Amino acid sequence: MSDSSLRVVWVYPDLLSTYGDQGNVLVVERRAQQRGLAVQRMDVRSDQPIPTSGDIYLVGGGEDRPQRLAAERLRRDGGLSRAADNGAIILSVCAGYQILGHEFVNDLGQREEGLGLLDVTSVRGEGERCVGDVLADVDERLRLPQLTGFENHQGVTHLGPTARPFARVRLGRGNGTGDGTEGAWNDTVFGTYMHGPVLARNPQIADLLIKLALDVNALPPVDDRWYEALRRERVAAATGPA
């Protein structure tokens, strides 16, 4: 696959990069390079325009005020929405997930308009904060193993009719709605509350993003021993005695 290249865009690392979400871009970069792919990585700060020529866009989590600032700048810039219209692959986490929906509640307690790339709406939960390990079964159409991650959010995200649940929780709160759903996705856009970082715990998701970006059905195998050791450790920690 050495004749192919991959353009990976990390969106607003100065605003949206909590709980090790930088690890997601590192994992995508590494998984592509292990297959002989040349990777052009672009770290785009919030004072820079979002390029529309990327193949994979990664959006991380953030605190309430940075989330509002990120949403304002992404709406004004328009580049991420145009990239999505062009078929780019997007993975968003936590605050980034909420931004990709229709609206969320910002740090001022006001409804903040999102980008509308996922048919979801987020509100502030009234109960306990969703914190802890998560185990969830990924939508069978994606053909991925059980998801493991860590959630830390107050938001509750409701899925609209065109959004599919990314996974259904066995352990944890997920979207916080009580219906067992976690995250959402459509054909090319994915959202999740999972940190960890989620792609280090679940490298098969990174492979899925790469396959979608390249429009291929399979990738050459790579050495997964490190990832699988981490995965087993985190699953054991989540399911073992308190």
Protein backbone atom coordinates (compact mmCIF):
# COMPACT_ATOMS: atom_id res chain seq x y z
CA MET A 1 0.00 0.00 0.00
CA SER A 2 3.06 2.24 -0.19
CA ASP A 3 1.71 4.09 -3.24
CA SER A 4 -1.15 5.50 -1.15
CA SER A 5 -1.12 8.41 1.28
CA LEU A 6 -3.44 9.55 4.02
CA ARG A 7 -4.19 13.10 5.15
CA VAL A 8 -5.09 13.19 8.84
CA VAL A 9 -6.40 16.41 10.40
CA TRP A 10 -6.39 16.99 14.15
CA VAL A 11 -8.99 19.67 14.77
CA TYR A 12 -8.28 22.40 17.35
CA PRO A 13 -5.78 20.68 19.66
CA ASP A 14 -5.51 23.96 21.59
CA LEU A 15 -9.20 23.75 22.59
CA LEU A 16 -10.27 20.13 22.24
CA SER A 17 -7.73 17.70 23.64
CA THR A 18 -8.61 16.40 27.11
CA TYR A 19 -8.07 12.98 28.70
CA GLY A 20 -5.34 12.01 26.26
CA ASP A 21 -7.40 12.47 23.10
CA GLN A 22 -4.20 13.37 21.26
CA GLY A 23 -3.60 9.63 21.37
CA ASN A 24 -6.28 9.16 18.74
CA VAL A 25 -4.33 10.99 16.07
CA LEU A 26 -1.14 9.17 17.08
CA VAL A 27 -2.85 5.79 16.73
CA VAL A 28 -4.34 6.56 13.30
CA GLU A 29 -0.95 7.83 12.15
CA ARG A 30 0.85 4.75 13.46
CA ARG A 31 -1.69 2.23 12.15
CA ALA A 32 -1.47 3.76 8.68
CA GLN A 33 2.34 3.82 8.70
CA GLN A 34 2.44 0.17 9.75
CA ARG A 35 0.65 -0.59 6.46
CA GLY A 36 3.23 1.35 4.44
CA LEU A 37 1.01 4.39 4.00
CA ALA A 38 2.56 7.83 3.85
CA VAL A 39 0.74 10.08 6.34
CA GLN A 40 0.36 13.82 6.08
CA ARG A 41 -0.67 14.98 9.54
CA MET A 42 -2.13 18.46 9.98
CA ASP A 43 -2.62 19.86 13.49
CA VAL A 44 -5.01 22.77 12.95
CA ARG A 45 -5.29 25.28 15.78
CA SER A 46 -8.44 27.30 16.40
CA ASP A 47 -6.96 30.43 14.78
CA GLN A 48 -6.29 28.54 11.54
CA PRO A 49 -8.68 27.56 8.73
CA ILE A 50 -9.84 23.95 8.57
CA PRO A 51 -8.56 22.40 5.33
CA THR A 52 -11.18 20.63 3.25
CA SER A 53 -8.72 18.23 1.60
CA GLY A 54 -8.26 15.86 4.57
CA ASP A 55 -9.19 12.20 4.54
CA ILE A 56 -9.71 11.69 8.29
CA TYR A 57 -10.61 14.40 10.82
CA LEU A 58 -10.26 13.82 14.57
CA VAL A 59 -12.07 16.03 17.08
CA GLY A 60 -11.37 15.60 20.79
CA GLY A 61 -13.02 16.53 24.06
CA GLY A 62 -12.75 19.79 25.98
CA GLU A 63 -14.02 21.81 28.89
CA ASP A 64 -17.24 23.83 28.61
CA ARG A 65 -15.82 27.22 27.57
CA PRO A 66 -13.34 25.81 25.03
CA GLN A 67 -16.21 23.72 23.63
CA ARG A 68 -18.27 26.87 23.04
CA LEU A 69 -15.33 28.67 21.44
CA ALA A 70 -14.63 25.67 19.22
CA ALA A 71 -18.26 25.46 18.07
CA GLU A 72 -18.34 29.18 17.26
CA ARG A 73 -15.14 29.00 15.23
CA LEU A 74 -16.09 25.79 13.42
CA ARG A 75 -19.43 27.31 12.39
CA ARG A 76 -17.75 30.49 11.20
CA ASP A 77 -14.99 28.62 9.37
CA GLY A 78 -17.21 26.03 7.67
CA GLY A 79 -14.29 23.87 6.60
CA LEU A 80 -15.21 20.78 8.61
CA SER A 81 -18.76 20.83 7.28
CA ARG A 82 -17.49 21.18 3.71
CA ALA A 83 -15.07 18.31 4.27
CA ALA A 84 -17.95 16.17 5.51
CA ASP A 85 -19.96 17.09 2.41
CA ASN A 86 -16.98 15.90 0.35
CA GLY A 87 -17.10 12.50 2.07
CA ALA A 88 -14.33 12.92 4.64
CA ILE A 89 -14.26 10.56 7.62
CA ILE A 90 -14.75 12.21 11.03
CA LEU A 91 -14.34 10.80 14.54
CA SER A 92 -15.44 13.05 17.40
CA VAL A 93 -15.13 12.48 21.14
CA CYS A 94 -17.20 13.88 24.04
CA ALA A 95 -17.36 17.68 23.60
CA GLY A 96 -16.46 17.19 19.95
CA TYR A 97 -19.30 14.69 19.62
CA GLN A 98 -21.78 17.23 21.00
CA ILE A 99 -20.46 19.93 18.64
CA LEU A 100 -21.15 17.71 15.63
CA GLY A 101 -24.82 17.46 16.62
CA HIS A 102 -27.59 20.02 16.17
CA GLU A 103 -27.12 21.76 19.51
CA PHE A 104 -25.77 21.45 23.05
CA VAL A 105 -25.87 23.51 26.24
CA ASN A 106 -22.80 25.74 26.62
CA ASP A 107 -20.96 27.05 29.69
CA LEU A 108 -23.35 29.99 29.90
CA GLY A 109 -26.34 27.67 30.24
CA GLN A 110 -27.53 28.60 26.75
CA ARG A 111 -28.34 26.44 23.75
CA GLU A 112 -25.38 26.47 21.39
CA GLU A 113 -25.78 25.61 17.73
CA GLY A 114 -23.71 22.67 16.51
CA LEU A 115 -22.66 21.70 13.01
CA GLY A 116 -25.54 19.28 12.34
CA LEU A 117 -23.24 16.57 10.98
CA LEU A 118 -24.89 14.03 13.29
CA ASP A 119 -28.62 13.88 14.00
CA VAL A 120 -28.20 14.28 17.77
CA THR A 121 -29.07 16.91 20.36
CA SER A 122 -27.33 17.24 23.72
CA VAL A 123 -28.63 18.70 26.96
CA ARG A 124 -27.15 18.98 30.44
CA GLY A 125 -28.02 16.04 32.65
CA GLU A 126 -29.76 16.61 35.97
CA GLY A 127 -28.44 13.53 37.76
CA GLU A 128 -24.98 12.30 38.66
CA ARG A 129 -22.13 12.88 36.26
CA CYS A 130 -21.36 9.94 33.97
CA VAL A 131 -17.90 8.85 35.08
CA GLY A 132 -16.15 5.50 34.80
CA ASP A 133 -15.24 2.61 32.56
CA VAL A 134 -17.51 1.58 29.72
CA LEU A 135 -17.93 -1.70 27.89
CA ALA A 136 -20.25 -1.67 24.91
CA ASP A 137 -21.23 -3.77 21.89
CA VAL A 138 -20.58 -1.87 18.67
CA ASP A 139 -23.26 -1.70 15.97
CA GLU A 140 -22.98 -5.06 14.19
CA ARG A 141 -22.91 -3.35 10.80
CA LEU A 142 -19.46 -2.00 11.65
CA ARG A 143 -18.06 -5.49 12.41
CA LEU A 144 -15.96 -4.39 15.36
CA PRO A 145 -15.20 -6.12 18.67
CA GLN A 146 -16.57 -4.97 22.00
CA LEU A 147 -15.77 -1.33 22.76
CA THR A 148 -13.83 -0.34 25.87
CA GLY A 149 -13.34 3.22 27.07
CA PHE A 150 -13.66 5.77 29.84
CA GLU A 151 -16.45 8.34 30.09
CA ASN A 152 -16.55 11.62 32.02
CA HIS A 153 -19.44 13.88 31.02
CA GLN A 154 -22.53 15.63 32.34
CA GLY A 155 -24.20 15.81 28.96
CA VAL A 156 -27.13 13.68 27.82
CA THR A 157 -27.32 13.10 24.08
CA HIS A 158 -30.55 12.17 22.31
CA LEU A 159 -30.41 10.51 18.89
CA GLY A 160 -32.65 11.65 16.05
CA PRO A 161 -34.18 9.34 13.44
CA THR A 162 -31.19 9.36 11.06
CA ALA A 163 -28.52 8.70 13.72
CA ARG A 164 -27.53 5.13 14.51
CA PRO A 165 -26.18 4.25 17.95
CA PHE A 166 -22.45 3.61 17.68
CA ALA A 167 -22.74 0.99 20.42
CA ARG A 168 -24.94 -0.31 23.24
CA VAL A 169 -23.49 -0.34 26.73
CA ARG A 170 -23.04 -3.36 28.95
CA LEU A 171 -21.25 -1.28 31.56
CA GLY A 172 -21.46 2.50 31.92
CA ARG A 173 -23.91 5.21 30.92
CA GLY A 174 -23.07 6.01 27.30
CA ASN A 175 -25.32 8.75 25.95
CA GLY A 176 -26.90 9.12 29.40
CA THR A 177 -30.46 8.68 28.13
CA GLY A 178 -31.11 5.40 29.92
CA ASP A 179 -31.75 3.54 26.65
CA GLY A 180 -28.32 1.89 26.59
CA THR A 181 -27.02 3.74 23.55
CA GLU A 182 -23.45 5.02 23.27
CA GLY A 183 -22.39 7.52 20.64
CA ALA A 184 -23.83 7.85 17.17
CA TRP A 185 -22.77 7.46 13.56
CA ASN A 186 -23.87 7.84 9.98
CA ASP A 187 -22.01 6.75 6.87
CA THR A 188 -18.80 8.76 7.44
CA VAL A 189 -19.22 10.62 10.75
CA PHE A 190 -18.76 9.00 14.16
CA GLY A 191 -19.28 10.34 17.66
CA THR A 192 -18.58 8.79 21.05
CA TYR A 193 -18.19 9.77 24.69
CA MET A 194 -15.24 7.37 25.04
CA HIS A 195 -11.84 8.60 26.12
CA GLY A 196 -8.98 6.27 26.90
CA PRO A 197 -7.88 7.36 24.29
CA VAL A 198 -10.57 5.39 22.51
CA LEU A 199 -8.41 4.40 19.52
CA ALA A 200 -5.57 3.12 21.70
CA ARG A 201 -8.04 0.89 23.52
CA ASN A 202 -9.82 -0.04 20.28
CA PRO A 203 -7.36 0.07 17.36
CA GLN A 204 -9.86 -1.69 15.11
CA ILE A 205 -11.83 1.59 15.06
CA ALA A 206 -8.74 3.35 13.71
CA ASP A 207 -8.47 0.65 11.06
CA LEU A 208 -12.12 1.20 10.17
CA LEU A 209 -11.50 4.92 9.65
CA ILE A 210 -8.52 4.17 7.43
CA LYS A 211 -10.45 1.61 5.36
CA LEU A 212 -13.31 4.06 4.85
CA ALA A 213 -10.91 6.82 3.86
CA LEU A 214 -9.14 4.57 1.34
CA ASP A 215 -12.38 2.89 0.21
CA VAL A 216 -10.98 -0.61 0.75
CA ASN A 217 -12.51 -3.66 2.42
CA ALA A 218 -9.42 -4.85 4.28
CA LEU A 219 -5.97 -3.77 5.46
CA PRO A 220 -2.80 -5.87 5.78
CA PRO A 221 -2.43 -7.36 9.27
CA VAL A 222 -0.11 -5.73 11.81
CA ASP A 223 1.33 -6.64 15.20
CA ASP A 224 -1.50 -6.02 17.68
CA ARG A 225 0.11 -7.52 20.78
CA TRP A 226 0.56 -4.20 22.60
CA TYR A 227 -2.97 -3.05 21.84
CA GLU A 228 -4.50 -6.37 22.85
CA ALA A 229 -2.56 -6.37 26.13
CA LEU A 230 -3.91 -2.90 26.92
CA ARG A 231 -7.39 -3.99 25.90
CA ARG A 232 -7.34 -7.06 28.14
CA GLU A 233 -6.02 -5.01 31.04
CA ARG A 234 -8.77 -2.37 30.77
CA VAL A 235 -11.57 -4.92 30.29
CA ALA A 236 -10.33 -6.86 33.32
CA ALA A 237 -10.16 -3.67 35.38
CA ALA A 238 -13.71 -2.74 34.39
CA THR A 239 -15.24 -6.15 35.07
CA GLY A 240 -13.18 -7.22 38.08
CA PRO A 241 -14.07 -6.78 41.76
CA ALA A 242 -14.31 -3.17 42.96
